[in-house]
Protein backbone atom coordinates (compact mmCIF):
# COMPACT_ATOMS: atom_id res chain seq x y z
CA MET A 1 88.92 81.97 107.59
CA ASP A 2 89.81 84.79 109.99
CA GLN A 3 91.71 87.38 107.93
CA LYS A 4 94.72 88.99 109.64
CA PHE A 5 95.82 92.60 109.32
CA SER A 6 99.12 94.24 110.18
CA THR A 7 98.62 97.69 111.69
CA ILE A 8 101.40 100.27 111.81
CA VAL A 9 100.91 103.45 113.87
CA ASN A 10 103.17 106.48 113.26
CA GLY A 11 105.58 104.27 111.33
CA ASN A 12 106.95 102.47 114.38
CA ILE A 13 104.24 100.79 116.47
CA ASN A 14 103.22 97.45 114.94
CA PHE A 15 100.48 95.09 116.00
CA SER A 16 98.20 92.51 114.42
CA LEU A 17 94.42 92.52 114.21
CA SER A 18 92.02 89.86 113.00
CA GLU A 19 88.49 90.08 111.65
CA LYS A 20 87.32 88.66 114.99
CA ASP A 21 89.12 91.48 116.85
CA LEU A 22 87.35 94.04 114.68
CA GLN A 23 83.95 92.40 115.18
CA LYS A 24 84.45 92.46 118.97
CA ALA A 25 85.51 96.12 118.98
CA ASP A 26 83.14 98.41 120.86
CA ILE A 27 82.93 101.25 118.31
CA LEU A 28 79.93 103.50 117.74
CA GLN A 29 79.84 106.07 114.95
CA THR A 30 78.50 109.34 116.37
CA ALA A 31 78.94 111.61 113.32
CA ALA A 32 80.30 111.39 109.77
CA THR A 33 83.91 111.21 110.96
CA ASN A 34 83.53 110.78 114.73
CA TYR A 35 83.44 107.57 116.74
CA HIS A 36 82.99 106.60 120.38
CA VAL A 37 85.40 103.78 121.24
CA LEU A 38 85.32 101.79 124.46
CA LYS A 39 88.65 100.04 125.19
CA ASP A 40 89.19 98.16 128.46
CA GLY A 41 86.30 100.09 130.01
CA LYS A 42 87.75 103.49 129.05
CA PRO A 43 85.85 105.74 126.60
CA PHE A 44 87.65 107.53 123.76
CA ILE A 45 86.39 110.01 121.19
CA VAL A 46 88.06 109.26 117.85
CA THR A 47 87.94 111.47 114.74
CA MET A 48 88.86 110.24 111.26
CA VAL A 49 90.84 113.24 109.98
CA HIS A 50 91.78 111.71 106.60
CA SER A 51 91.43 108.32 104.94
CA ASN A 52 92.81 106.89 101.71
CA PHE A 53 91.29 103.47 101.18
CA GLN A 54 93.44 102.59 98.15
CA GLU A 55 96.66 103.11 100.10
CA ARG A 56 95.03 101.93 103.37
CA THR A 57 96.30 104.98 105.25
CA TYR A 58 94.30 106.84 107.86
CA ASP A 59 94.94 109.89 110.05
CA VAL A 60 93.08 109.36 113.32
CA LYS A 61 92.75 111.91 116.13
CA VAL A 62 92.31 110.60 119.68
CA GLY A 63 92.07 113.41 122.23
CA ASN A 64 94.71 115.97 121.26
CA GLU A 65 96.95 113.48 119.45
CA THR A 66 96.81 112.59 115.74
CA TYR A 67 98.10 109.21 114.60
CA GLU A 68 98.97 107.97 111.13
CA VAL A 69 97.67 104.43 110.76
CA VAL A 70 98.58 102.06 107.92
CA ILE A 71 96.66 98.79 107.66
CA LYS A 72 98.12 95.95 105.59
CA ASN A 73 96.14 92.90 104.57
CA ALA A 74 97.61 89.44 103.87
CA LEU A 75 98.47 90.30 100.24
CA ASP A 76 100.20 93.56 101.23
CA MET A 77 102.26 91.68 103.83
CA GLN A 78 103.22 88.93 101.37
CA ILE A 79 104.30 91.45 98.71
CA SER A 80 106.29 93.40 101.30
CA ASN A 81 107.98 90.23 102.59
CA MET A 82 109.02 89.40 99.02
CA GLY A 83 110.71 92.80 98.73
CA PHE A 84 108.31 94.21 96.19
CA SER A 85 106.06 97.24 96.39
CA LEU A 86 102.45 97.27 95.32
CA GLY A 87 102.16 99.80 92.50
CA THR A 88 99.08 101.17 90.87
CA SER A 89 98.70 100.38 87.21
CA LYS A 90 98.63 103.50 85.06
CA ASN A 91 96.49 101.71 82.43
CA VAL A 92 93.45 101.34 84.67
CA SER A 93 90.28 101.90 82.64
CA THR A 94 87.65 101.13 85.29
CA ILE A 95 87.16 101.66 89.00
CA VAL A 96 85.25 98.96 90.88
CA ALA A 97 84.02 98.89 94.46
CA PRO A 98 86.73 97.41 96.71
CA MET A 99 84.02 96.33 99.19
CA PRO A 100 80.26 96.62 99.66
CA GLY A 101 79.14 100.04 100.80
CA LEU A 102 77.08 103.18 100.32
CA VAL A 103 78.03 105.90 97.83
CA MET A 104 78.23 109.08 99.92
CA GLU A 105 79.57 111.58 97.38
CA ILE A 106 80.72 111.79 93.75
CA PRO A 107 82.72 115.01 93.32
CA ILE A 108 83.32 114.41 89.57
CA GLU A 109 81.21 114.45 86.41
CA GLU A 110 81.28 112.55 83.14
CA GLY A 111 83.63 114.20 80.66
CA GLN A 112 85.71 115.75 83.45
CA GLN A 113 89.52 115.63 83.26
CA VAL A 114 91.03 114.22 86.46
CA ASN A 115 94.59 113.94 87.71
CA GLU A 116 96.23 111.07 89.54
CA ASP A 117 95.10 111.01 93.21
CA ASP A 118 92.05 113.26 92.61
CA PRO A 119 89.08 112.04 94.68
CA LEU A 120 86.56 110.20 92.49
CA LEU A 121 84.05 108.86 94.97
CA ILE A 122 83.44 108.55 98.71
CA LEU A 123 82.25 105.10 99.77
CA GLU A 124 81.02 104.42 103.29
CA ALA A 125 81.87 100.90 104.37
CA MET A 126 82.35 99.30 107.78
CA LYS A 127 81.43 102.57 109.54
CA MET A 128 84.19 104.47 107.70
CA GLU A 129 84.21 106.90 104.79
CA ASN A 130 86.73 105.76 102.18
CA ILE A 131 87.94 108.11 99.45
CA LEU A 132 88.53 106.31 96.17
CA SER A 133 91.16 108.31 94.30
CA SER A 134 92.08 108.31 90.64
CA PRO A 135 94.95 105.92 89.88
CA ARG A 136 95.89 107.98 86.80
CA GLU A 137 95.26 111.07 84.74
CA GLY A 138 92.35 110.77 82.37
CA VAL A 139 88.84 111.73 81.37
CA ILE A 140 85.79 110.25 83.08
CA LYS A 141 83.78 108.41 80.43
CA HIS A 142 80.91 107.08 82.55
CA ILE A 143 79.80 107.07 86.18
CA SER A 144 77.74 103.92 86.81
CA VAL A 145 76.40 104.84 90.26
CA ALA A 146 74.71 107.77 91.96
CA LYS A 147 74.92 109.33 95.41
CA GLY A 148 72.97 107.15 97.86
CA ASP A 149 73.39 103.92 95.87
CA THR A 150 74.37 100.75 97.70
CA VAL A 151 77.11 98.86 95.87
CA GLU A 152 78.50 95.34 96.04
CA LYS A 153 82.16 94.34 96.04
CA LYS A 154 83.67 94.54 92.51
CA GLN A 155 80.67 96.46 91.15
CA LEU A 156 81.63 98.85 88.35
CA LEU A 157 81.67 102.44 89.58
CA ILE A 158 83.55 104.59 87.06
CA THR A 159 84.92 104.13 83.54
CA PHE A 160 87.78 106.16 82.01
CA GLU A 161 87.99 107.12 78.31
């Protein structure tokens, strides 16, 4: 099944994308956060200024303009249409990989106290670096992966005390 995504740019420009659209996209990663994009025969240099995979928000710079991009998947759209908001559980005890990828950086250590929204791990997936942030305050009990590891979707990454 071809998954659909709702994309919102700067809070007011809405359009839909499908997995097929993304597979057809002519995008080449040229550096850790830089991409060469070819759209309708025109080249663009795109820089990923900031990304938050959990909230699916991205700040993207094209030329001299920076755009805030929010990508909603089918579940996000259904929850929004029902009038609910998707909250993060404060009782989370484990962090699992949201998708397959490569562990690029782990800026925390076992036994470290972290606050909500602190970066826990950077996972490269689909040519993008995704920062996995802490959903709550707590102490890191165990880190199950190391920098450079390849992980599968739903693989255990981090355990809280």
